[in-house]
Amino acid sequence: MRYTIATLAMAALTMSAAPAAAQSAAPVPILPDAAVLDVVATGEVSRVPDIATIRAGVVTQSATAAAALADNAAKMDRVIASLRAAGVAPRDIMTANVNLSPQHRYVENQPPVITGYQATNTVSVKFRDVAKSGTVLDALVKAGANQINGPEMSVDKPEAALDAARIEAIKQARARAARYAEAAGLRVDRIVAIGEAGEDRGNGPRPPVLYARAEMASDAPTRVLPGEVPISATVSVRFLLK
C-alpha cells in the first residue's frame, strides 16, 4: 500500500488534535448536589497531674555588684544543696534566670543615684512526686530561698490523654455537623478531610510570684494539692453534605 505525503500529514493532524480536544472538554461535576461544611471542634479530658514545677530564687542586695553576687551565690548553693538532699535529681534542677541590676535613689530635678545592687538567681525545679513538693518548698525557704513561683501542674506523658481528647473532638465535630445538616435540610454523607488545629498538653496556668522569708517559715507544712488539669485537642473537619 502506498501513502502519499498528503495522507500522512492528514493522519498526523488527526492524532495530534485528539488529545487537545480531550483537554479542552469541560470537567463533569462529581457531586453536583453536595455541600461542604467545615467544623472546628475541641475535645477535652481531665487527668491528675504527676509533675509539679516551681521556680525558687534568691534575691540579695549589697553596696557593690561583686558583694551582691557573692552573697547570692553562697545562698543559692545552700538552696541547691537542700534540693539534692530532698532527693531532687540534677536533671530536674535548671537555672531559669540570673540577673544583676543597680538600685537607684530618685530625687526631683536630679539625676538618679546608684545606692547599691540587687542580684537574683532563680532555678526551675521539677517535682515528680507532687505529694512531697510542699515539704521541699518549706526546706527551700529554710535554706534561704526568698522568691518562690509555683507550683505549675502538668502531666508527664500526656500522649494517651491527647488521643482520648482527639477522639472526643471528632465526636463533637460529627455531632455539630449533623445539627447543621439537619437545619439545612441535608444529611452528613462523609468526612472529606481532618486536620489538627492545636493541642493543650495539660500545663496549668503560670501562678503569680510568691515571696517568702526564711524567718517566716512555721512548723505547719505547706500543702500542695494536685487536683486535675484539662488536656485538650482541637481539630478541623470538612464534611460532605447531601
C-alpha atoms as a PDB file:
ATOM      1  CA  MET A   1       0.000   0.000   0.000  1.00  0.00           C
ATOM      2  CA  ARG A   2       1.293   3.457  -0.939  1.00  0.00           C
ATOM      3  CA  TYR A   3       0.912   6.546   1.236  1.00  0.00           C
ATOM      4  CA  THR A   4       1.167   9.992  -0.188  1.00  0.00           C
ATOM      5  CA  ILE A   5       2.633  12.909   1.718  1.00  0.00           C
ATOM      6  CA  ALA A   6      -0.819  14.461   1.978  1.00  0.00           C
ATOM      7  CA  THR A   7      -2.260  11.280   3.504  1.00  0.00           C
ATOM      8  CA  LEU A   8       0.457  11.100   6.162  1.00  0.00           C
ATOM      9  CA  ALA A   9       0.062  14.784   7.019  1.00  0.00           C
ATOM     10  CA  MET A  10      -3.676  14.373   7.453  1.00  0.00           C
ATOM     11  CA  ALA A  11      -3.160  11.373   9.786  1.00  0.00           C
ATOM     12  CA  ALA A  12      -0.679  13.327  11.912  1.00  0.00           C
ATOM     13  CA  LEU A  13      -3.105  16.231  12.266  1.00  0.00           C
ATOM     14  CA  THR A  14      -5.887  13.871  13.304  1.00  0.00           C
ATOM     15  CA  MET A  15      -3.734  12.194  16.007  1.00  0.00           C
ATOM     16  CA  SER A  16      -2.451  15.482  17.438  1.00  0.00           C
ATOM     17  CA  ALA A  17      -5.917  17.020  17.574  1.00  0.00           C
ATOM     18  CA  ALA A  18      -7.422  14.192  19.635  1.00  0.00           C
ATOM     19  CA  PRO A  19      -5.610  14.971  22.959  1.00  0.00           C
ATOM     20  CA  ALA A  20      -6.223  18.686  22.528  1.00  0.00           C
ATOM     21  CA  ALA A  21      -9.936  18.073  22.188  1.00  0.00           C
ATOM     22  CA  ALA A  22      -9.898  15.886  25.284  1.00  0.00           C
ATOM     23  CA  GLN A  23      -8.051  18.558  27.297  1.00  0.00           C
ATOM     24  CA  SER A  24     -10.463  21.314  26.342  1.00  0.00           C
ATOM     25  CA  ALA A  25     -13.527  19.290  27.337  1.00  0.00           C
ATOM     26  CA  ALA A  26     -15.416  20.772  30.302  1.00  0.00           C
ATOM     27  CA  PRO A  27     -14.990  18.777  33.582  1.00  0.00           C
ATOM     28  CA  VAL A  28     -18.008  16.833  34.688  1.00  0.00           C
ATOM     29  CA  PRO A  29     -19.145  17.680  38.270  1.00  0.00           C
ATOM     30  CA  ILE A  30     -18.682  14.686  40.558  1.00  0.00           C
ATOM     31  CA  LEU A  31     -21.233  15.699  43.197  1.00  0.00           C
ATOM     32  CA  PRO A  32     -23.480  18.387  41.747  1.00  0.00           C
ATOM     33  CA  ASP A  33     -25.967  18.201  44.645  1.00  0.00           C
ATOM     34  CA  ALA A  34     -23.413  18.147  47.533  1.00  0.00           C
ATOM     35  CA  ALA A  35     -22.479  20.876  50.015  1.00  0.00           C
ATOM     36  CA  VAL A  36     -19.252  21.222  52.006  1.00  0.00           C
ATOM     37  CA  LEU A  37     -19.218  22.080  55.729  1.00  0.00           C
ATOM     38  CA  ASP A  38     -16.097  22.973  57.742  1.00  0.00           C
ATOM     39  CA  VAL A  39     -16.295  22.425  61.520  1.00  0.00           C
ATOM     40  CA  VAL A  40     -13.726  23.213  64.224  1.00  0.00           C
ATOM     41  CA  ALA A  41     -14.257  21.330  67.483  1.00  0.00           C
ATOM     42  CA  THR A  42     -12.331  20.818  70.728  1.00  0.00           C
ATOM     43  CA  GLY A  43     -12.298  17.655  72.810  1.00  0.00           C
ATOM     44  CA  GLU A  44     -11.204  17.794  76.438  1.00  0.00           C
ATOM     45  CA  VAL A  45     -10.349  15.237  79.101  1.00  0.00           C
ATOM     46  CA  SER A  46      -9.077  15.695  82.666  1.00  0.00           C
ATOM     47  CA  ARG A  47      -6.141  13.973  84.310  1.00  0.00           C
ATOM     48  CA  VAL A  48      -4.480  14.118  87.720  1.00  0.00           C
ATOM     49  CA  PRO A  49      -1.093  15.832  87.209  1.00  0.00           C
ATOM     50  CA  ASP A  50       2.024  13.912  88.167  1.00  0.00           C
ATOM     51  CA  ILE A  51       4.523  16.758  87.752  1.00  0.00           C
ATOM     52  CA  ALA A  52       4.793  19.953  89.814  1.00  0.00           C
ATOM     53  CA  THR A  53       7.205  22.644  88.626  1.00  0.00           C
ATOM     54  CA  ILE A  54       8.217  25.583  90.786  1.00  0.00           C
ATOM     55  CA  ARG A  55      10.722  28.385  90.487  1.00  0.00           C
ATOM     56  CA  ALA A  56      12.801  29.100  93.555  1.00  0.00           C
ATOM     57  CA  GLY A  57      15.153  32.026  93.764  1.00  0.00           C
ATOM     58  CA  VAL A  58      17.423  34.064  95.977  1.00  0.00           C
ATOM     59  CA  VAL A  59      17.370  37.857  95.910  1.00  0.00           C
ATOM     60  CA  THR A  60      20.247  39.682  97.613  1.00  0.00           C
ATOM     61  CA  GLN A  61      21.262  43.313  97.868  1.00  0.00           C
ATOM     62  CA  SER A  62      24.608  44.929  98.639  1.00  0.00           C
ATOM     63  CA  ALA A  63      26.530  48.158  98.152  1.00  0.00           C
ATOM     64  CA  THR A  64      28.634  46.716  95.324  1.00  0.00           C
ATOM     65  CA  ALA A  65      27.835  44.412  92.433  1.00  0.00           C
ATOM     66  CA  ALA A  66      30.534  41.930  93.438  1.00  0.00           C
ATOM     67  CA  ALA A  67      29.252  41.682  97.005  1.00  0.00           C
ATOM     68  CA  ALA A  68      25.659  41.211  95.854  1.00  0.00           C
ATOM     69  CA  LEU A  69      26.694  38.378  93.501  1.00  0.00           C
ATOM     70  CA  ALA A  70      28.943  36.693  96.073  1.00  0.00           C
ATOM     71  CA  ASP A  71      26.230  36.742  98.747  1.00  0.00           C
ATOM     72  CA  ASN A  72      23.689  35.469  96.237  1.00  0.00           C
ATOM     73  CA  ALA A  73      25.943  32.606  95.085  1.00  0.00           C
ATOM     74  CA  ALA A  74      26.548  31.436  98.655  1.00  0.00           C
ATOM     75  CA  LYS A  75      22.846  31.379  99.472  1.00  0.00           C
ATOM     76  CA  MET A  76      21.926  29.698  96.182  1.00  0.00           C
ATOM     77  CA  ASP A  77      24.468  26.946  96.914  1.00  0.00           C
ATOM     78  CA  ARG A  78      22.548  26.174 100.112  1.00  0.00           C
ATOM     79  CA  VAL A  79      19.231  26.171  98.230  1.00  0.00           C
ATOM     80  CA  ILE A  80      20.529  23.710  95.630  1.00  0.00           C
ATOM     81  CA  ALA A  81      22.037  21.528  98.365  1.00  0.00           C
ATOM     82  CA  SER A  82      18.648  21.384 100.092  1.00  0.00           C
ATOM     83  CA  LEU A  83      17.027  20.285  96.826  1.00  0.00           C
ATOM     84  CA  ARG A  84      19.506  17.470  96.324  1.00  0.00           C
ATOM     85  CA  ALA A  85      19.153  16.433  99.958  1.00  0.00           C
ATOM     86  CA  ALA A  86      15.407  16.180  99.361  1.00  0.00           C
ATOM     87  CA  GLY A  87      16.024  13.709  96.540  1.00  0.00           C
ATOM     88  CA  VAL A  88      15.506  16.003  93.545  1.00  0.00           C
ATOM     89  CA  ALA A  89      17.582  14.681  90.631  1.00  0.00           C
ATOM     90  CA  PRO A  90      20.108  17.011  88.934  1.00  0.00           C
ATOM     91  CA  ARG A  91      18.199  16.694  85.628  1.00  0.00           C
ATOM     92  CA  ASP A  92      15.171  18.271  87.336  1.00  0.00           C
ATOM     93  CA  ILE A  93      17.057  21.389  88.501  1.00  0.00           C
ATOM     94  CA  MET A  94      17.679  24.037  85.835  1.00  0.00           C
ATOM     95  CA  THR A  95      18.849  27.620  86.071  1.00  0.00           C
ATOM     96  CA  ALA A  96      15.982  29.807  84.894  1.00  0.00           C
ATOM     97  CA  ASN A  97      17.271  33.335  85.426  1.00  0.00           C
ATOM     98  CA  VAL A  98      20.340  35.223  86.679  1.00  0.00           C
ATOM     99  CA  ASN A  99      20.064  38.971  86.998  1.00  0.00           C
ATOM    100  CA  LEU A 100      22.129  41.820  88.422  1.00  0.00           C
ATOM    101  CA  SER A 101      20.704  45.332  88.439  1.00  0.00           C
ATOM    102  CA  PRO A 102      21.582  48.632  90.087  1.00  0.00           C
ATOM    103  CA  GLN A 103      19.276  50.181  92.665  1.00  0.00           C
ATOM    104  CA  HIS A 104      18.614  53.896  92.325  1.00  0.00           C
ATOM    105  CA  ARG A 105      17.520  56.760  94.503  1.00  0.00           C
ATOM    106  CA  TYR A 106      15.448  59.327  92.670  1.00  0.00           C
ATOM    107  CA  VAL A 107      15.284  62.955  93.674  1.00  0.00           C
ATOM    108  CA  GLU A 108      13.286  65.541  91.802  1.00  0.00           C
ATOM    109  CA  ASN A 109      15.290  67.592  89.297  1.00  0.00           C
ATOM    110  CA  GLN A 110      18.424  65.500  89.949  1.00  0.00           C
ATOM    111  CA  PRO A 111      19.921  62.564  88.075  1.00  0.00           C
ATOM    112  CA  PRO A 112      19.313  59.161  89.715  1.00  0.00           C
ATOM    113  CA  VAL A 113      21.977  57.978  92.141  1.00  0.00           C
ATOM    114  CA  ILE A 114      23.028  54.324  92.401  1.00  0.00           C
ATOM    115  CA  THR A 115      22.616  53.212  96.000  1.00  0.00           C
ATOM    116  CA  GLY A 116      23.510  49.550  95.604  1.00  0.00           C
ATOM    117  CA  TYR A 117      22.973  46.419  93.549  1.00  0.00           C
ATOM    118  CA  GLN A 118      20.434  43.614  93.546  1.00  0.00           C
ATOM    119  CA  ALA A 119      21.316  40.101  92.414  1.00  0.00           C
ATOM    120  CA  THR A 120      18.739  37.436  91.573  1.00  0.00           C
ATOM    121  CA  ASN A 121      19.297  33.770  90.804  1.00  0.00           C
ATOM    122  CA  THR A 122      16.322  31.528  90.051  1.00  0.00           C
ATOM    123  CA  VAL A 123      16.148  27.802  89.384  1.00  0.00           C
ATOM    124  CA  SER A 124      13.286  25.834  87.868  1.00  0.00           C
ATOM    125  CA  VAL A 125      12.611  22.669  89.867  1.00  0.00           C
ATOM    126  CA  LYS A 126      10.548  19.736  88.642  1.00  0.00           C
ATOM    127  CA  PHE A 127       8.954  17.505  91.291  1.00  0.00           C
ATOM    128  CA  ARG A 128       7.990  14.023  90.119  1.00  0.00           C
ATOM    129  CA  ASP A 129       6.293  13.292  93.439  1.00  0.00           C
ATOM    130  CA  VAL A 130       3.687  16.034  93.791  1.00  0.00           C
ATOM    131  CA  ALA A 131       2.770  14.958  97.324  1.00  0.00           C
ATOM    132  CA  LYS A 132       6.288  15.761  98.565  1.00  0.00           C
ATOM    133  CA  SER A 133       6.644  19.123  96.838  1.00  0.00           C
ATOM    134  CA  GLY A 134       5.176  21.080  99.755  1.00  0.00           C
ATOM    135  CA  THR A 135       7.770  19.672 102.157  1.00  0.00           C
ATOM    136  CA  VAL A 136      10.548  20.593  99.735  1.00  0.00           C
ATOM    137  CA  LEU A 137       9.181  24.141  99.442  1.00  0.00           C
ATOM    138  CA  ASP A 138       9.475  24.513 103.210  1.00  0.00           C
ATOM    139  CA  ALA A 139      13.059  23.246 103.048  1.00  0.00           C
ATOM    140  CA  LEU A 140      13.857  25.744 100.312  1.00  0.00           C
ATOM    141  CA  VAL A 141      12.689  28.680 102.397  1.00  0.00           C
ATOM    142  CA  LYS A 142      14.685  27.483 105.404  1.00  0.00           C
ATOM    143  CA  ALA A 143      17.749  27.169 103.159  1.00  0.00           C
ATOM    144  CA  GLY A 144      17.487  30.815 102.094  1.00  0.00           C
ATOM    145  CA  ALA A 145      15.130  30.979  99.119  1.00  0.00           C
ATOM    146  CA  ASN A 146      13.137  34.200  99.329  1.00  0.00           C
ATOM    147  CA  GLN A 147      11.366  34.067  95.969  1.00  0.00           C
ATOM    148  CA  ILE A 148       9.039  31.213  95.039  1.00  0.00           C
ATOM    149  CA  ASN A 149       6.856  30.950  91.946  1.00  0.00           C
ATOM    150  CA  GLY A 150       4.550  27.969  91.555  1.00  0.00           C
ATOM    151  CA  PRO A 151       3.667  25.231  91.505  1.00  0.00           C
ATOM    152  CA  GLU A 152       2.688  24.690  87.879  1.00  0.00           C
ATOM    153  CA  MET A 153       0.960  21.341  87.446  1.00  0.00           C
ATOM    154  CA  SER A 154       1.362  19.164  84.346  1.00  0.00           C
ATOM    155  CA  VAL A 155       1.137  15.614  83.063  1.00  0.00           C
ATOM    156  CA  ASP A 156       4.466  13.971  82.319  1.00  0.00           C
ATOM    157  CA  LYS A 157       3.306  11.723  79.451  1.00  0.00           C
ATOM    158  CA  PRO A 158       0.087  13.189  78.024  1.00  0.00           C
ATOM    159  CA  GLU A 159       0.030  11.237  74.730  1.00  0.00           C
ATOM    160  CA  ALA A 160      -2.700   8.755  75.775  1.00  0.00           C
ATOM    161  CA  ALA A 161      -4.837  11.574  77.182  1.00  0.00           C
ATOM    162  CA  LEU A 162      -4.319  13.609  73.988  1.00  0.00           C
ATOM    163  CA  ASP A 163      -5.532  10.673  71.907  1.00  0.00           C
ATOM    164  CA  ALA A 164      -8.669  10.494  74.060  1.00  0.00           C
ATOM    165  CA  ALA A 165      -9.165  14.242  73.571  1.00  0.00           C
ATOM    166  CA  ARG A 166      -8.776  13.847  69.803  1.00  0.00           C
ATOM    167  CA  ILE A 167     -11.450  11.144  69.733  1.00  0.00           C
ATOM    168  CA  GLU A 168     -13.742  13.385  71.754  1.00  0.00           C
ATOM    169  CA  ALA A 169     -13.052  16.274  69.357  1.00  0.00           C
ATOM    170  CA  ILE A 170     -14.090  14.162  66.353  1.00  0.00           C
ATOM    171  CA  LYS A 171     -17.281  13.150  68.163  1.00  0.00           C
ATOM    172  CA  GLN A 172     -18.035  16.812  68.870  1.00  0.00           C
ATOM    173  CA  ALA A 173     -17.392  17.714  65.233  1.00  0.00           C
ATOM    174  CA  ARG A 174     -19.674  14.933  63.960  1.00  0.00           C
ATOM    175  CA  ALA A 175     -22.489  15.955  66.288  1.00  0.00           C
ATOM    176  CA  ARG A 176     -22.170  19.604  65.292  1.00  0.00           C
ATOM    177  CA  ALA A 177     -22.105  18.754  61.587  1.00  0.00           C
ATOM    178  CA  ALA A 178     -25.252  16.640  61.996  1.00  0.00           C
ATOM    179  CA  ARG A 179     -27.058  19.589  63.613  1.00  0.00           C
ATOM    180  CA  TYR A 180     -26.010  21.950  60.810  1.00  0.00           C
ATOM    181  CA  ALA A 181     -27.039  19.438  58.161  1.00  0.00           C
ATOM    182  CA  GLU A 182     -30.438  18.879  59.769  1.00  0.00           C
ATOM    183  CA  ALA A 183     -31.047  22.613  59.983  1.00  0.00           C
ATOM    184  CA  ALA A 184     -30.224  22.916  56.290  1.00  0.00           C
ATOM    185  CA  GLY A 185     -32.427  20.007  55.299  1.00  0.00           C
ATOM    186  CA  LEU A 186     -29.446  17.835  54.406  1.00  0.00           C
ATOM    187  CA  ARG A 187     -27.554  14.888  55.864  1.00  0.00           C
ATOM    188  CA  VAL A 188     -23.877  14.176  56.505  1.00  0.00           C
ATOM    189  CA  ASP A 189     -22.517  11.952  53.744  1.00  0.00           C
ATOM    190  CA  ARG A 190     -18.878  11.525  54.774  1.00  0.00           C
ATOM    191  CA  ILE A 191     -15.722  13.211  56.058  1.00  0.00           C
ATOM    192  CA  VAL A 192     -13.548  14.741  53.349  1.00  0.00           C
ATOM    193  CA  ALA A 193     -10.568  15.941  55.413  1.00  0.00           C
ATOM    194  CA  ILE A 194      -9.343  16.128  59.021  1.00  0.00           C
ATOM    195  CA  GLY A 195      -6.687  18.472  60.398  1.00  0.00           C
ATOM    196  CA  GLU A 196      -5.382  19.068  63.912  1.00  0.00           C
ATOM    197  CA  ALA A 197      -5.656  22.733  64.789  1.00  0.00           C
ATOM    198  CA  GLY A 198      -3.942  22.630  68.200  1.00  0.00           C
ATOM    199  CA  GLU A 199      -3.466  20.854  71.499  1.00  0.00           C
ATOM    200  CA  ASP A 200      -3.132  21.622  75.195  1.00  0.00           C
ATOM    201  CA  ARG A 201      -0.891  19.142  76.982  1.00  0.00           C
ATOM    202  CA  GLY A 202      -2.211  19.863  80.440  1.00  0.00           C
ATOM    203  CA  ASN A 203       0.205  22.556  81.595  1.00  0.00           C
ATOM    204  CA  GLY A 204      -1.636  24.627  84.135  1.00  0.00           C
ATOM    205  CA  PRO A 205      -1.615  28.432  84.102  1.00  0.00           C
ATOM    206  CA  ARG A 206       1.546  30.055  85.416  1.00  0.00           C
ATOM    207  CA  PRO A 207       0.842  31.156  89.005  1.00  0.00           C
ATOM    208  CA  PRO A 208       1.900  34.521  90.416  1.00  0.00           C
ATOM    209  CA  VAL A 209       5.251  35.025  92.106  1.00  0.00           C
ATOM    210  CA  LEU A 210       5.213  34.390  95.839  1.00  0.00           C
ATOM    211  CA  TYR A 211       7.808  35.944  98.112  1.00  0.00           C
ATOM    212  CA  ALA A 212       8.897  34.409 101.397  1.00  0.00           C
ATOM    213  CA  ARG A 213      11.472  34.866 104.132  1.00  0.00           C
ATOM    214  CA  ALA A 214      13.198  32.082 105.970  1.00  0.00           C
ATOM    215  CA  GLU A 215      12.274  33.501 109.368  1.00  0.00           C
ATOM    216  CA  MET A 216       8.585  33.421 108.357  1.00  0.00           C
ATOM    217  CA  ALA A 217       8.565  29.634 107.956  1.00  0.00           C
ATOM    218  CA  SER A 218       6.372  27.944 110.549  1.00  0.00           C
ATOM    219  CA  ASP A 219       6.004  24.398 111.777  1.00  0.00           C
ATOM    220  CA  ALA A 220       2.850  23.925 109.674  1.00  0.00           C
ATOM    221  CA  PRO A 221       3.888  22.159 106.448  1.00  0.00           C
ATOM    222  CA  THR A 222       2.958  23.621 103.085  1.00  0.00           C
ATOM    223  CA  ARG A 223       0.312  21.545 101.331  1.00  0.00           C
ATOM    224  CA  VAL A 224       0.281  21.157  97.552  1.00  0.00           C
ATOM    225  CA  LEU A 225      -2.904  19.673  96.091  1.00  0.00           C
ATOM    226  CA  PRO A 226      -2.672  18.365  92.512  1.00  0.00           C
ATOM    227  CA  GLY A 227      -6.362  18.460  91.599  1.00  0.00           C
ATOM    228  CA  GLU A 228      -6.909  17.850  87.872  1.00  0.00           C
ATOM    229  CA  VAL A 229      -5.675  19.570  84.737  1.00  0.00           C
ATOM    230  CA  PRO A 230      -7.524  19.710  81.396  1.00  0.00           C
ATOM    231  CA  ILE A 231      -5.910  18.207  78.311  1.00  0.00           C
ATOM    232  CA  SER A 232      -7.497  19.181  75.013  1.00  0.00           C
ATOM    233  CA  ALA A 233      -7.139  18.756  71.272  1.00  0.00           C
ATOM    234  CA  THR A 234      -8.741  20.889  68.574  1.00  0.00           C
ATOM    235  CA  VAL A 235      -9.497  19.502  65.121  1.00  0.00           C
ATOM    236  CA  SER A 236     -10.825  20.960  61.889  1.00  0.00           C
ATOM    237  CA  VAL A 237     -13.056  18.578  59.946  1.00  0.00           C
ATOM    238  CA  ARG A 238     -14.517  19.013  56.463  1.00  0.00           C
ATOM    239  CA  PHE A 239     -17.803  17.194  55.885  1.00  0.00           C
ATOM    240  CA  LEU A 240     -19.667  16.449  52.692  1.00  0.00           C
ATOM    241  CA  LEU A 241     -23.417  17.057  52.973  1.00  0.00           C
ATOM    242  CA  LYS A 242     -26.164  15.800  50.680  1.00  0.00           C
END
